[in-house]
Amino acid sequence: MQAHVPASILRLDITGQPVAWMDWQETVCLYVKNLVAWEVGNSVFPIMGGRSRLTGERSCIHINSIIAARGLSRWDRRHSAVPALSNRELFRRDRHMCMYCGDCFLEGQLTRDHIVPRSHGGRDQWTNVVTACRRCNTIKGCRTPEQAKLALLAVPFAPNRAEYLALKNRRILADQMDFLKKQFSHKRLMDL
């Protein structure tokens, strides 16, 4: 890997909506193919290439930490507006806090709880799941929070693309996070 290059470059679509994280190699390909429509942010990284046989000079391309690219990405074609639900991003959305007792836990001590249990027709979707510690999930069992006499500490929500990208990547540059935060719709994620 090139020195001082971030692990991920934030890719936007042509309208400025966040699409996905890319590695620097994918980003260089977009620059070489002239698919970068515009750049934003203040982090620019030089990527050194090989030496020319004719001149002996080393090639260099400068990539930005946030780029808007022309055309659809593979992510656009395969994913809907609501990102896929996974425990990792669910626990990050809820800040590793049990939404019943309010205590924080390590990832291995947490579970995905269905507010309306699946046995009662509840769906496995962002707006029906919360993070719960093993103890609270066991107490709740196959009941609703009301039936188990438990109160939810927060209302579950489905993150938009910007929020999901922030949840998915923990090594975000300041300019990338500033850009994403402007598109957050949920206050709980603002402090990431």
C-alpha atoms as a PDB file:
ATOM      1  CA  MET A   1       0.000   0.000   0.000  1.00  0.00           C
ATOM      2  CA  GLN A   2       1.116   3.565  -0.646  1.00  0.00           C
ATOM      3  CA  ALA A   3       2.401   5.537   2.336  1.00  0.00           C
ATOM      4  CA  HIS A   4      -0.129   7.806   4.087  1.00  0.00           C
ATOM      5  CA  VAL A   5      -3.106   6.706   1.975  1.00  0.00           C
ATOM      6  CA  PRO A   6      -6.359   6.158   3.896  1.00  0.00           C
ATOM      7  CA  ALA A   7      -7.825   2.676   4.057  1.00  0.00           C
ATOM      8  CA  SER A   8     -10.999   3.911   2.348  1.00  0.00           C
ATOM      9  CA  ILE A   9     -12.016   6.610  -0.095  1.00  0.00           C
ATOM     10  CA  LEU A  10     -15.623   7.831   0.087  1.00  0.00           C
ATOM     11  CA  ARG A  11     -17.368   7.433  -3.268  1.00  0.00           C
ATOM     12  CA  LEU A  12     -20.317   9.620  -4.141  1.00  0.00           C
ATOM     13  CA  ASP A  13     -22.647   9.409  -7.088  1.00  0.00           C
ATOM     14  CA  ILE A  14     -22.787  12.303  -9.547  1.00  0.00           C
ATOM     15  CA  THR A  15     -25.479  14.031  -7.423  1.00  0.00           C
ATOM     16  CA  GLY A  16     -23.308  13.968  -4.309  1.00  0.00           C
ATOM     17  CA  GLN A  17     -25.042  11.111  -2.494  1.00  0.00           C
ATOM     18  CA  PRO A  18     -22.721   8.700  -0.653  1.00  0.00           C
ATOM     19  CA  VAL A  19     -22.490   5.335  -2.374  1.00  0.00           C
ATOM     20  CA  ALA A  20     -19.707   3.201  -0.916  1.00  0.00           C
ATOM     21  CA  TRP A  21     -16.204   2.941   0.502  1.00  0.00           C
ATOM     22  CA  MET A  22     -13.455   2.089  -2.006  1.00  0.00           C
ATOM     23  CA  ASP A  23      -9.810   1.202  -1.606  1.00  0.00           C
ATOM     24  CA  TRP A  24      -7.149   3.410  -3.177  1.00  0.00           C
ATOM     25  CA  GLN A  25      -6.591   0.960  -6.056  1.00  0.00           C
ATOM     26  CA  GLU A  26     -10.252   1.177  -7.182  1.00  0.00           C
ATOM     27  CA  THR A  27     -10.045   4.955  -6.843  1.00  0.00           C
ATOM     28  CA  VAL A  28      -6.956   5.182  -9.057  1.00  0.00           C
ATOM     29  CA  CYS A  29      -8.797   3.147 -11.715  1.00  0.00           C
ATOM     30  CA  LEU A  30     -11.644   5.683 -11.718  1.00  0.00           C
ATOM     31  CA  TYR A  31      -9.160   8.549 -12.134  1.00  0.00           C
ATOM     32  CA  VAL A  32      -7.326   6.758 -14.974  1.00  0.00           C
ATOM     33  CA  LYS A  33     -10.615   5.982 -16.750  1.00  0.00           C
ATOM     34  CA  ASN A  34     -11.613   9.663 -16.377  1.00  0.00           C
ATOM     35  CA  LEU A  35     -14.732   8.701 -14.386  1.00  0.00           C
ATOM     36  CA  VAL A  36     -14.138  11.140 -11.515  1.00  0.00           C
ATOM     37  CA  ALA A  37     -16.638  13.967 -12.059  1.00  0.00           C
ATOM     38  CA  TRP A  38     -15.562  16.111  -9.104  1.00  0.00           C
ATOM     39  CA  GLU A  39     -13.762  15.993  -5.763  1.00  0.00           C
ATOM     40  CA  VAL A  40     -14.532  17.454  -2.355  1.00  0.00           C
ATOM     41  CA  GLY A  41     -12.758  17.499   0.982  1.00  0.00           C
ATOM     42  CA  ASN A  42      -9.299  18.658   1.883  1.00  0.00           C
ATOM     43  CA  SER A  43      -7.340  15.393   2.001  1.00  0.00           C
ATOM     44  CA  VAL A  44      -5.319  14.666  -1.138  1.00  0.00           C
ATOM     45  CA  PHE A  45      -2.932  11.732  -1.407  1.00  0.00           C
ATOM     46  CA  PRO A  46      -0.150  11.168  -3.968  1.00  0.00           C
ATOM     47  CA  ILE A  47      -0.030   7.651  -5.392  1.00  0.00           C
ATOM     48  CA  MET A  48       3.337   6.801  -6.889  1.00  0.00           C
ATOM     49  CA  GLY A  49       3.507   4.558  -9.926  1.00  0.00           C
ATOM     50  CA  GLY A  50       6.326   3.020 -11.909  1.00  0.00           C
ATOM     51  CA  ARG A  51       9.150   4.674 -13.843  1.00  0.00           C
ATOM     52  CA  SER A  52       8.918   5.497 -17.523  1.00  0.00           C
ATOM     53  CA  ARG A  53      11.326   3.519 -19.716  1.00  0.00           C
ATOM     54  CA  LEU A  54      11.817   6.567 -21.903  1.00  0.00           C
ATOM     55  CA  THR A  55      12.298   9.349 -19.359  1.00  0.00           C
ATOM     56  CA  GLY A  56      13.081   7.489 -16.149  1.00  0.00           C
ATOM     57  CA  GLU A  57      10.531   9.676 -14.356  1.00  0.00           C
ATOM     58  CA  ARG A  58       8.179   8.122 -11.851  1.00  0.00           C
ATOM     59  CA  SER A  59       4.450   8.587 -12.456  1.00  0.00           C
ATOM     60  CA  CYS A  60       2.228  10.079  -9.775  1.00  0.00           C
ATOM     61  CA  ILE A  61      -1.518  10.560  -9.461  1.00  0.00           C
ATOM     62  CA  HIS A  62      -3.209  12.569  -6.714  1.00  0.00           C
ATOM     63  CA  ILE A  63      -6.447  11.165  -5.302  1.00  0.00           C
ATOM     64  CA  ASN A  64      -8.922  12.929  -3.049  1.00  0.00           C
ATOM     65  CA  SER A  65     -10.494  11.365   0.054  1.00  0.00           C
ATOM     66  CA  ILE A  66     -13.998  12.061  -1.334  1.00  0.00           C
ATOM     67  CA  ILE A  67     -14.830  11.687  -5.019  1.00  0.00           C
ATOM     68  CA  ALA A  68     -17.968  11.780  -7.141  1.00  0.00           C
ATOM     69  CA  ALA A  69     -17.870   9.260  -9.966  1.00  0.00           C
ATOM     70  CA  ARG A  70     -19.823   9.021 -13.200  1.00  0.00           C
ATOM     71  CA  GLY A  71     -21.908   5.927 -13.868  1.00  0.00           C
ATOM     72  CA  LEU A  72     -23.422   3.370 -11.548  1.00  0.00           C
ATOM     73  CA  SER A  73     -21.283   1.393  -9.170  1.00  0.00           C
ATOM     74  CA  ARG A  74     -21.775  -2.273  -8.411  1.00  0.00           C
ATOM     75  CA  TRP A  75     -23.211  -1.119  -5.045  1.00  0.00           C
ATOM     76  CA  ASP A  76     -25.930   0.931  -6.788  1.00  0.00           C
ATOM     77  CA  ARG A  77     -27.109  -2.002  -8.855  1.00  0.00           C
ATOM     78  CA  ARG A  78     -27.228  -4.541  -6.033  1.00  0.00           C
ATOM     79  CA  HIS A  79     -28.540  -2.596  -3.060  1.00  0.00           C
ATOM     80  CA  SER A  80     -31.726  -0.834  -2.157  1.00  0.00           C
ATOM     81  CA  ALA A  81     -31.993   2.481  -0.347  1.00  0.00           C
ATOM     82  CA  VAL A  82     -32.217   0.630   2.991  1.00  0.00           C
ATOM     83  CA  PRO A  83     -28.865  -0.996   3.800  1.00  0.00           C
ATOM     84  CA  ALA A  84     -28.587  -4.636   4.762  1.00  0.00           C
ATOM     85  CA  LEU A  85     -29.032  -5.388   8.447  1.00  0.00           C
ATOM     86  CA  SER A  86     -26.125  -7.004  10.268  1.00  0.00           C
ATOM     87  CA  ASN A  87     -25.366  -7.380  13.969  1.00  0.00           C
ATOM     88  CA  ARG A  88     -22.148  -5.396  13.652  1.00  0.00           C
ATOM     89  CA  GLU A  89     -23.872  -2.300  12.254  1.00  0.00           C
ATOM     90  CA  LEU A  90     -26.908  -2.782  14.534  1.00  0.00           C
ATOM     91  CA  PHE A  91     -24.668  -2.774  17.620  1.00  0.00           C
ATOM     92  CA  ARG A  92     -22.871   0.304  16.313  1.00  0.00           C
ATOM     93  CA  ARG A  93     -26.177   2.052  15.604  1.00  0.00           C
ATOM     94  CA  ASP A  94     -27.196   1.451  19.228  1.00  0.00           C
ATOM     95  CA  ARG A  95     -23.670   2.314  20.494  1.00  0.00           C
ATOM     96  CA  HIS A  96     -23.191  -1.156  22.016  1.00  0.00           C
ATOM     97  CA  MET A  97     -25.888  -0.267  24.549  1.00  0.00           C
ATOM     98  CA  CYS A  98     -28.667  -2.594  25.611  1.00  0.00           C
ATOM     99  CA  MET A  99     -31.853  -0.792  24.657  1.00  0.00           C
ATOM    100  CA  TYR A 100     -33.590  -2.215  27.765  1.00  0.00           C
ATOM    101  CA  CYS A 101     -31.179  -1.807  30.706  1.00  0.00           C
ATOM    102  CA  GLY A 102     -29.017   0.980  29.233  1.00  0.00           C
ATOM    103  CA  ASP A 103     -25.666  -0.663  30.009  1.00  0.00           C
ATOM    104  CA  CYS A 104     -22.862  -0.844  27.430  1.00  0.00           C
ATOM    105  CA  PHE A 105     -21.320  -4.172  26.485  1.00  0.00           C
ATOM    106  CA  LEU A 106     -18.680  -5.728  24.254  1.00  0.00           C
ATOM    107  CA  GLU A 107     -19.954  -7.072  20.939  1.00  0.00           C
ATOM    108  CA  GLY A 108     -19.748 -10.710  22.112  1.00  0.00           C
ATOM    109  CA  GLN A 109     -22.095  -9.949  25.004  1.00  0.00           C
ATOM    110  CA  LEU A 110     -24.833  -8.481  22.812  1.00  0.00           C
ATOM    111  CA  THR A 111     -27.731  -9.967  20.878  1.00  0.00           C
ATOM    112  CA  ARG A 112     -30.219  -8.834  18.250  1.00  0.00           C
ATOM    113  CA  ASP A 113     -33.661  -8.557  19.807  1.00  0.00           C
ATOM    114  CA  HIS A 114     -36.820  -8.452  17.741  1.00  0.00           C
ATOM    115  CA  ILE A 115     -39.248  -6.000  19.340  1.00  0.00           C
ATOM    116  CA  VAL A 116     -42.184  -7.883  17.854  1.00  0.00           C
ATOM    117  CA  PRO A 117     -40.846 -11.441  18.092  1.00  0.00           C
ATOM    118  CA  ARG A 118     -40.523 -13.421  14.897  1.00  0.00           C
ATOM    119  CA  SER A 119     -42.778 -16.056  16.433  1.00  0.00           C
ATOM    120  CA  HIS A 120     -45.497 -13.341  16.521  1.00  0.00           C
ATOM    121  CA  GLY A 121     -44.931 -12.286  12.902  1.00  0.00           C
ATOM    122  CA  GLY A 122     -42.236  -9.689  13.580  1.00  0.00           C
ATOM    123  CA  ARG A 123     -39.824  -9.049  10.740  1.00  0.00           C
ATOM    124  CA  ASP A 124     -36.043  -9.041  10.731  1.00  0.00           C
ATOM    125  CA  GLN A 125     -35.650  -5.383   9.721  1.00  0.00           C
ATOM    126  CA  TRP A 126     -33.971  -2.272  11.112  1.00  0.00           C
ATOM    127  CA  THR A 127     -37.185  -0.814  12.572  1.00  0.00           C
ATOM    128  CA  ASN A 128     -38.050  -4.009  14.478  1.00  0.00           C
ATOM    129  CA  VAL A 129     -34.672  -4.814  16.043  1.00  0.00           C
ATOM    130  CA  VAL A 130     -32.603  -3.374  18.854  1.00  0.00           C
ATOM    131  CA  THR A 131     -29.411  -4.267  20.650  1.00  0.00           C
ATOM    132  CA  ALA A 132     -29.991  -6.222  23.856  1.00  0.00           C
ATOM    133  CA  CYS A 133     -27.644  -7.781  26.382  1.00  0.00           C
ATOM    134  CA  ARG A 134     -28.039 -11.524  26.825  1.00  0.00           C
ATOM    135  CA  ARG A 135     -29.708 -11.093  30.223  1.00  0.00           C
ATOM    136  CA  CYS A 136     -32.396  -8.673  28.988  1.00  0.00           C
ATOM    137  CA  ASN A 137     -33.025 -10.713  25.842  1.00  0.00           C
ATOM    138  CA  THR A 138     -33.529 -13.823  27.983  1.00  0.00           C
ATOM    139  CA  ILE A 139     -35.921 -11.968  30.312  1.00  0.00           C
ATOM    140  CA  LYS A 140     -37.907 -10.649  27.333  1.00  0.00           C
ATOM    141  CA  GLY A 141     -38.020 -14.029  25.617  1.00  0.00           C
ATOM    142  CA  CYS A 142     -40.666 -14.418  22.911  1.00  0.00           C
ATOM    143  CA  ARG A 143     -42.769 -11.529  24.163  1.00  0.00           C
ATOM    144  CA  THR A 144     -43.136  -7.888  23.215  1.00  0.00           C
ATOM    145  CA  PRO A 145     -41.469  -5.356  25.537  1.00  0.00           C
ATOM    146  CA  GLU A 146     -44.897  -4.458  26.955  1.00  0.00           C
ATOM    147  CA  GLN A 147     -45.705  -8.091  27.716  1.00  0.00           C
ATOM    148  CA  ALA A 148     -42.300  -8.514  29.400  1.00  0.00           C
ATOM    149  CA  LYS A 149     -42.752  -5.205  31.277  1.00  0.00           C
ATOM    150  CA  LEU A 150     -39.592  -3.761  29.679  1.00  0.00           C
ATOM    151  CA  ALA A 151     -39.291  -0.246  28.289  1.00  0.00           C
ATOM    152  CA  LEU A 152     -37.318   0.599  25.147  1.00  0.00           C
ATOM    153  CA  LEU A 153     -34.768   3.377  25.681  1.00  0.00           C
ATOM    154  CA  ALA A 154     -34.791   4.481  22.017  1.00  0.00           C
ATOM    155  CA  VAL A 155     -36.874   4.039  18.909  1.00  0.00           C
ATOM    156  CA  PRO A 156     -35.173   1.818  16.309  1.00  0.00           C
ATOM    157  CA  PHE A 157     -34.582   3.281  12.858  1.00  0.00           C
ATOM    158  CA  ALA A 158     -33.233   2.268   9.478  1.00  0.00           C
ATOM    159  CA  PRO A 159     -30.065   4.251   8.710  1.00  0.00           C
ATOM    160  CA  ASN A 160     -29.815   6.122   5.430  1.00  0.00           C
ATOM    161  CA  ARG A 161     -26.775   5.523   3.188  1.00  0.00           C
ATOM    162  CA  ALA A 162     -24.626   8.196   4.844  1.00  0.00           C
ATOM    163  CA  GLU A 163     -25.401   6.859   8.317  1.00  0.00           C
ATOM    164  CA  TYR A 164     -24.780   3.272   7.206  1.00  0.00           C
ATOM    165  CA  LEU A 165     -21.399   4.164   5.683  1.00  0.00           C
ATOM    166  CA  ALA A 166     -20.402   5.863   8.942  1.00  0.00           C
ATOM    167  CA  LEU A 167     -21.477   2.787  10.912  1.00  0.00           C
ATOM    168  CA  LYS A 168     -19.648   0.442   8.560  1.00  0.00           C
ATOM    169  CA  ASN A 169     -16.213   2.109   8.598  1.00  0.00           C
ATOM    170  CA  ARG A 170     -14.418   2.986  11.832  1.00  0.00           C
ATOM    171  CA  ARG A 171     -11.359   4.557  10.156  1.00  0.00           C
ATOM    172  CA  ILE A 172     -12.957   7.670   8.696  1.00  0.00           C
ATOM    173  CA  LEU A 173     -11.000  10.826   7.955  1.00  0.00           C
ATOM    174  CA  ALA A 174     -12.297  14.088   9.452  1.00  0.00           C
ATOM    175  CA  ASP A 175     -13.334  15.534   6.073  1.00  0.00           C
ATOM    176  CA  GLN A 176     -15.165  12.306   5.180  1.00  0.00           C
ATOM    177  CA  MET A 177     -17.068  12.309   8.505  1.00  0.00           C
ATOM    178  CA  ASP A 178     -17.945  15.994   8.144  1.00  0.00           C
ATOM    179  CA  PHE A 179     -19.396  15.276   4.700  1.00  0.00           C
ATOM    180  CA  LEU A 180     -21.401  12.259   5.919  1.00  0.00           C
ATOM    181  CA  LYS A 181     -22.718  14.030   9.041  1.00  0.00           C
ATOM    182  CA  LYS A 182     -24.380  16.689   6.905  1.00  0.00           C
ATOM    183  CA  GLN A 183     -26.629  13.927   5.548  1.00  0.00           C
ATOM    184  CA  PHE A 184     -27.457  12.210   8.843  1.00  0.00           C
ATOM    185  CA  SER A 185     -31.125  12.236   9.741  1.00  0.00           C
ATOM    186  CA  HIS A 186     -30.805  10.726  13.218  1.00  0.00           C
ATOM    187  CA  LYS A 187     -29.335  12.711  16.106  1.00  0.00           C
ATOM    188  CA  ARG A 188     -27.928   9.596  17.817  1.00  0.00           C
ATOM    189  CA  LEU A 189     -25.387   9.164  15.017  1.00  0.00           C
ATOM    190  CA  MET A 190     -24.174  12.774  15.095  1.00  0.00           C
ATOM    191  CA  ASP A 191     -21.684  12.020  17.866  1.00  0.00           C
ATOM    192  CA  LEU A 192     -19.882   9.233  15.995  1.00  0.00           C
END
